[in-house]
N, C-alpha and C. Protein backbone atom coordinates (compact mmCIF):
# COMPACT_ATOMS: atom_id res chain seq x y z
N MET A 1 -7.80 12.83 -10.53
CA MET A 1 -6.67 12.97 -9.64
C MET A 1 -5.42 13.25 -10.49
N THR A 2 -4.59 14.15 -10.01
CA THR A 2 -3.37 14.55 -10.71
C THR A 2 -2.15 13.94 -10.02
N ILE A 3 -1.18 13.54 -10.83
CA ILE A 3 0.02 12.91 -10.30
C ILE A 3 1.25 13.74 -10.67
N LEU A 4 2.09 13.97 -9.68
CA LEU A 4 3.42 14.54 -9.89
C LEU A 4 4.39 13.37 -9.71
N ARG A 5 5.15 13.07 -10.75
CA ARG A 5 6.10 11.96 -10.69
C ARG A 5 7.51 12.52 -10.85
N VAL A 6 8.38 12.21 -9.89
CA VAL A 6 9.77 12.67 -9.91
C VAL A 6 10.65 11.43 -10.04
N CYS A 7 11.50 11.43 -11.08
CA CYS A 7 12.31 10.27 -11.42
C CYS A 7 13.79 10.61 -11.28
N TYR A 8 14.48 9.86 -10.42
CA TYR A 8 15.89 10.09 -10.15
C TYR A 8 16.72 9.09 -10.94
N LYS A 9 17.59 9.62 -11.78
CA LYS A 9 18.35 8.80 -12.72
C LYS A 9 19.34 7.86 -12.03
N TYR A 10 19.49 6.70 -12.62
CA TYR A 10 20.41 5.67 -12.15
C TYR A 10 21.85 6.14 -12.34
N GLY A 11 22.71 5.78 -11.40
CA GLY A 11 24.14 6.06 -11.54
C GLY A 11 24.56 7.42 -11.03
N ILE A 12 23.65 8.17 -10.43
CA ILE A 12 23.96 9.49 -9.88
C ILE A 12 23.77 9.41 -8.36
N ARG A 13 24.65 10.04 -7.60
CA ARG A 13 24.56 9.98 -6.14
C ARG A 13 23.15 10.35 -5.67
N PHE A 14 22.61 9.47 -4.85
CA PHE A 14 21.28 9.67 -4.26
C PHE A 14 21.33 9.16 -2.83
N ASP A 15 21.10 10.04 -1.86
CA ASP A 15 21.12 9.68 -0.44
C ASP A 15 19.70 9.37 0.00
N GLN A 16 19.36 8.10 -0.03
CA GLN A 16 17.98 7.68 0.26
C GLN A 16 17.59 7.98 1.71
N ASP A 17 18.51 7.83 2.65
CA ASP A 17 18.19 8.12 4.05
C ASP A 17 17.82 9.59 4.23
N TYR A 18 18.61 10.48 3.65
CA TYR A 18 18.29 11.91 3.74
C TYR A 18 16.95 12.19 3.07
N TYR A 19 16.75 11.59 1.90
CA TYR A 19 15.52 11.83 1.15
C TYR A 19 14.29 11.47 1.98
N VAL A 20 14.33 10.30 2.60
CA VAL A 20 13.17 9.83 3.36
C VAL A 20 13.00 10.60 4.67
N SER A 21 14.10 10.87 5.36
CA SER A 21 13.99 11.49 6.68
C SER A 21 13.87 13.01 6.66
N ARG A 22 14.38 13.66 5.61
CA ARG A 22 14.38 15.13 5.59
C ARG A 22 13.59 15.72 4.44
N HIS A 23 13.87 15.24 3.21
CA HIS A 23 13.25 15.88 2.05
C HIS A 23 11.75 15.60 1.95
N LEU A 24 11.36 14.35 2.09
CA LEU A 24 9.93 14.05 1.98
C LEU A 24 9.08 14.81 3.01
N PRO A 25 9.50 14.88 4.28
CA PRO A 25 8.72 15.69 5.22
C PRO A 25 8.66 17.18 4.84
N LEU A 26 9.77 17.70 4.33
CA LEU A 26 9.78 19.10 3.88
C LEU A 26 8.77 19.30 2.74
N ALA A 27 8.82 18.42 1.75
CA ALA A 27 7.89 18.53 0.63
C ALA A 27 6.44 18.39 1.09
N ALA A 28 6.20 17.53 2.06
CA ALA A 28 4.83 17.33 2.56
C ALA A 28 4.28 18.59 3.21
N THR A 29 5.15 19.39 3.84
CA THR A 29 4.66 20.63 4.45
C THR A 29 4.20 21.63 3.41
N VAL A 30 4.80 21.56 2.22
CA VAL A 30 4.41 22.46 1.12
C VAL A 30 3.21 21.90 0.38
N PHE A 31 3.24 20.60 0.05
CA PHE A 31 2.19 20.01 -0.77
C PHE A 31 0.91 19.70 0.01
N GLY A 32 1.05 19.35 1.28
CA GLY A 32 -0.10 18.95 2.09
C GLY A 32 -1.27 19.91 2.05
N PRO A 33 -1.05 21.19 2.29
CA PRO A 33 -2.16 22.15 2.29
C PRO A 33 -2.81 22.36 0.90
N HIS A 34 -2.21 21.81 -0.14
CA HIS A 34 -2.71 22.01 -1.50
C HIS A 34 -3.34 20.74 -2.08
N GLY A 35 -3.74 19.83 -1.20
CA GLY A 35 -4.49 18.68 -1.67
C GLY A 35 -3.70 17.41 -1.93
N LEU A 36 -2.51 17.31 -1.35
CA LEU A 36 -1.74 16.07 -1.47
C LEU A 36 -2.49 14.96 -0.76
N LYS A 37 -2.77 13.86 -1.48
CA LYS A 37 -3.53 12.75 -0.92
C LYS A 37 -2.65 11.57 -0.53
N ASN A 38 -1.62 11.28 -1.33
CA ASN A 38 -0.82 10.09 -1.10
C ASN A 38 0.53 10.25 -1.80
N VAL A 39 1.55 9.58 -1.25
CA VAL A 39 2.87 9.56 -1.85
C VAL A 39 3.34 8.11 -1.90
N GLU A 40 3.87 7.71 -3.05
CA GLU A 40 4.47 6.38 -3.23
C GLU A 40 5.91 6.56 -3.64
N VAL A 41 6.80 5.79 -3.03
CA VAL A 41 8.22 5.81 -3.38
C VAL A 41 8.57 4.41 -3.88
N MET A 42 9.09 4.34 -5.10
CA MET A 42 9.48 3.06 -5.68
C MET A 42 10.98 3.07 -5.97
N ARG A 43 11.70 2.16 -5.33
CA ARG A 43 13.10 1.96 -5.66
C ARG A 43 13.13 0.95 -6.81
N VAL A 44 13.69 1.36 -7.93
CA VAL A 44 13.71 0.51 -9.12
C VAL A 44 14.82 -0.52 -8.94
N THR A 45 14.46 -1.80 -9.06
CA THR A 45 15.42 -2.87 -8.81
C THR A 45 15.76 -3.69 -10.04
N ALA A 46 14.95 -3.59 -11.10
CA ALA A 46 15.19 -4.43 -12.28
C ALA A 46 14.43 -3.89 -13.47
N THR A 47 14.83 -4.37 -14.64
CA THR A 47 14.09 -4.14 -15.88
C THR A 47 13.80 -5.50 -16.50
N PRO A 48 12.80 -5.59 -17.37
CA PRO A 48 12.46 -6.89 -17.96
C PRO A 48 13.62 -7.55 -18.71
N ASP A 49 14.46 -6.74 -19.35
CA ASP A 49 15.56 -7.32 -20.13
C ASP A 49 16.88 -7.39 -19.35
N ARG A 50 16.81 -7.10 -18.07
CA ARG A 50 17.96 -7.16 -17.16
C ARG A 50 19.01 -6.09 -17.44
N SER A 51 18.68 -5.10 -18.24
CA SER A 51 19.60 -3.98 -18.44
C SER A 51 19.53 -3.05 -17.22
N LYS A 52 20.48 -2.13 -17.13
CA LYS A 52 20.44 -1.17 -16.04
C LYS A 52 19.20 -0.31 -16.19
N PRO A 53 18.49 -0.06 -15.09
CA PRO A 53 17.31 0.79 -15.18
C PRO A 53 17.71 2.24 -15.47
N HIS A 54 16.81 2.98 -16.09
CA HIS A 54 17.05 4.41 -16.34
C HIS A 54 17.00 5.20 -15.04
N TYR A 55 16.18 4.72 -14.10
CA TYR A 55 15.97 5.44 -12.84
C TYR A 55 16.28 4.53 -11.66
N GLN A 56 16.76 5.14 -10.59
CA GLN A 56 16.98 4.40 -9.35
C GLN A 56 15.82 4.56 -8.38
N LEU A 57 15.10 5.66 -8.48
CA LEU A 57 13.97 5.90 -7.59
C LEU A 57 12.93 6.73 -8.34
N ILE A 58 11.67 6.36 -8.17
CA ILE A 58 10.57 7.10 -8.76
C ILE A 58 9.56 7.39 -7.66
N VAL A 59 9.21 8.65 -7.52
CA VAL A 59 8.27 9.08 -6.49
C VAL A 59 7.01 9.60 -7.17
N SER A 60 5.87 9.15 -6.69
CA SER A 60 4.58 9.60 -7.23
C SER A 60 3.81 10.28 -6.11
N ALA A 61 3.42 11.53 -6.34
CA ALA A 61 2.62 12.29 -5.38
C ALA A 61 1.25 12.54 -6.02
N TYR A 62 0.20 12.13 -5.33
CA TYR A 62 -1.16 12.21 -5.86
C TYR A 62 -1.89 13.40 -5.23
N PHE A 63 -2.46 14.22 -6.10
CA PHE A 63 -3.18 15.42 -5.66
C PHE A 63 -4.65 15.33 -6.06
N GLU A 64 -5.50 15.98 -5.28
CA GLU A 64 -6.94 16.01 -5.57
C GLU A 64 -7.22 16.61 -6.94
N SER A 65 -6.43 17.63 -7.31
CA SER A 65 -6.71 18.33 -8.57
C SER A 65 -5.44 18.92 -9.16
N ALA A 66 -5.52 19.23 -10.45
CA ALA A 66 -4.41 19.91 -11.13
C ALA A 66 -4.19 21.29 -10.53
N ALA A 67 -5.27 21.95 -10.16
CA ALA A 67 -5.15 23.29 -9.56
C ALA A 67 -4.40 23.23 -8.24
N GLY A 68 -4.64 22.19 -7.45
CA GLY A 68 -3.93 22.03 -6.18
C GLY A 68 -2.44 21.87 -6.40
N LEU A 69 -2.08 21.02 -7.35
CA LEU A 69 -0.65 20.84 -7.67
C LEU A 69 -0.05 22.15 -8.16
N GLN A 70 -0.75 22.84 -9.04
CA GLN A 70 -0.24 24.11 -9.56
C GLN A 70 -0.04 25.12 -8.43
N ASN A 71 -0.98 25.19 -7.51
CA ASN A 71 -0.84 26.10 -6.37
C ASN A 71 0.35 25.73 -5.51
N ALA A 72 0.56 24.43 -5.30
CA ALA A 72 1.72 23.98 -4.53
C ALA A 72 3.01 24.38 -5.22
N MET A 73 3.08 24.18 -6.53
CA MET A 73 4.30 24.50 -7.29
C MET A 73 4.59 25.99 -7.28
N GLN A 74 3.56 26.82 -7.14
CA GLN A 74 3.73 28.27 -7.12
C GLN A 74 3.88 28.84 -5.72
N SER A 75 3.81 27.97 -4.72
CA SER A 75 3.94 28.40 -3.33
C SER A 75 5.33 28.99 -3.08
N PRO A 76 5.42 30.04 -2.28
CA PRO A 76 6.74 30.61 -1.96
C PRO A 76 7.68 29.59 -1.30
N GLN A 77 7.14 28.62 -0.57
CA GLN A 77 7.95 27.62 0.10
C GLN A 77 8.54 26.58 -0.86
N MET A 78 8.05 26.56 -2.10
CA MET A 78 8.55 25.59 -3.08
C MET A 78 10.04 25.79 -3.35
N SER A 79 10.53 27.01 -3.20
CA SER A 79 11.96 27.27 -3.41
C SER A 79 12.81 26.49 -2.40
N GLN A 80 12.31 26.30 -1.18
CA GLN A 80 13.03 25.51 -0.18
C GLN A 80 13.11 24.05 -0.60
N VAL A 81 12.02 23.53 -1.15
CA VAL A 81 11.98 22.14 -1.59
C VAL A 81 12.99 21.94 -2.73
N LEU A 82 12.98 22.82 -3.69
CA LEU A 82 13.90 22.72 -4.82
C LEU A 82 15.35 22.89 -4.40
N ALA A 83 15.63 23.81 -3.49
CA ALA A 83 16.99 24.04 -3.02
C ALA A 83 17.52 22.84 -2.24
N ASP A 84 16.64 22.07 -1.64
CA ASP A 84 17.05 20.92 -0.84
C ASP A 84 17.53 19.74 -1.68
N VAL A 85 17.18 19.70 -2.96
CA VAL A 85 17.55 18.58 -3.82
C VAL A 85 19.06 18.34 -3.80
N GLN A 86 19.85 19.39 -3.82
CA GLN A 86 21.31 19.24 -3.84
C GLN A 86 21.85 18.53 -2.60
N ASN A 87 21.08 18.44 -1.55
CA ASN A 87 21.52 17.77 -0.33
C ASN A 87 21.46 16.25 -0.42
N TYR A 88 20.72 15.72 -1.40
CA TYR A 88 20.61 14.26 -1.51
C TYR A 88 20.83 13.72 -2.92
N TYR A 89 20.91 14.60 -3.92
CA TYR A 89 21.01 14.13 -5.31
C TYR A 89 21.92 15.05 -6.09
N ASP A 90 22.81 14.47 -6.90
CA ASP A 90 23.77 15.27 -7.65
C ASP A 90 23.32 15.60 -9.07
N GLY A 91 22.14 15.21 -9.46
CA GLY A 91 21.66 15.48 -10.81
C GLY A 91 20.40 16.33 -10.81
N VAL A 92 19.74 16.35 -11.95
CA VAL A 92 18.46 17.03 -12.10
C VAL A 92 17.43 15.95 -12.40
N PRO A 93 16.46 15.74 -11.51
CA PRO A 93 15.48 14.69 -11.75
C PRO A 93 14.55 15.02 -12.91
N ASP A 94 14.02 13.98 -13.53
CA ASP A 94 12.97 14.16 -14.53
C ASP A 94 11.64 14.30 -13.78
N VAL A 95 10.82 15.25 -14.20
CA VAL A 95 9.54 15.50 -13.55
C VAL A 95 8.43 15.36 -14.58
N LEU A 96 7.42 14.58 -14.22
CA LEU A 96 6.27 14.35 -15.10
C LEU A 96 5.00 14.70 -14.33
N ILE A 97 4.04 15.27 -15.04
CA ILE A 97 2.74 15.59 -14.44
C ILE A 97 1.67 14.97 -15.33
N GLY A 98 0.72 14.28 -14.71
CA GLY A 98 -0.33 13.63 -15.48
C GLY A 98 -1.58 13.41 -14.67
N GLU A 99 -2.50 12.68 -15.25
CA GLU A 99 -3.78 12.38 -14.61
C GLU A 99 -3.96 10.88 -14.49
N VAL A 100 -4.66 10.47 -13.46
CA VAL A 100 -5.06 9.08 -13.32
C VAL A 100 -6.16 8.82 -14.35
N VAL A 101 -6.01 7.76 -15.12
CA VAL A 101 -7.01 7.38 -16.12
C VAL A 101 -7.90 6.30 -15.54
N PRO A 102 -9.20 6.57 -15.43
CA PRO A 102 -10.09 5.54 -14.90
C PRO A 102 -10.20 4.37 -15.89
N ILE A 103 -10.15 3.16 -15.35
CA ILE A 103 -10.28 1.98 -16.19
C ILE A 103 -11.42 1.10 -15.72
C-alpha cells in the first residue's frame, strides 16, 4: 500500500473548516477513481519535549498501489486540487510519498 502524506506547517494560516468541507471532498473526486482506500487527518497538538510542533495538520491518504497514486497525480483534475490550496493555506505544504512496511 502506498501513502501520500501532506504536512501543513505550524504558524501559517490554515482554514480547517474549508479544508474539511471543501478541499477533502474535491481531492476525493480525483483520488477515488485511482485506488484511494482511506484518508486520515491528524491535528498535531503536542510534541514530546513540549516545543512547538513543526506541523499543525498531517493528512495521510492510502492508495492500493504506487501506480494508482501516480495516475491520480497525473490526472488533468489534479490542477484543480492544487489550485484550491490557496483557499485554505498560505504556505506550501510538505509532501511525502512512501509505502506501508509490514511488521
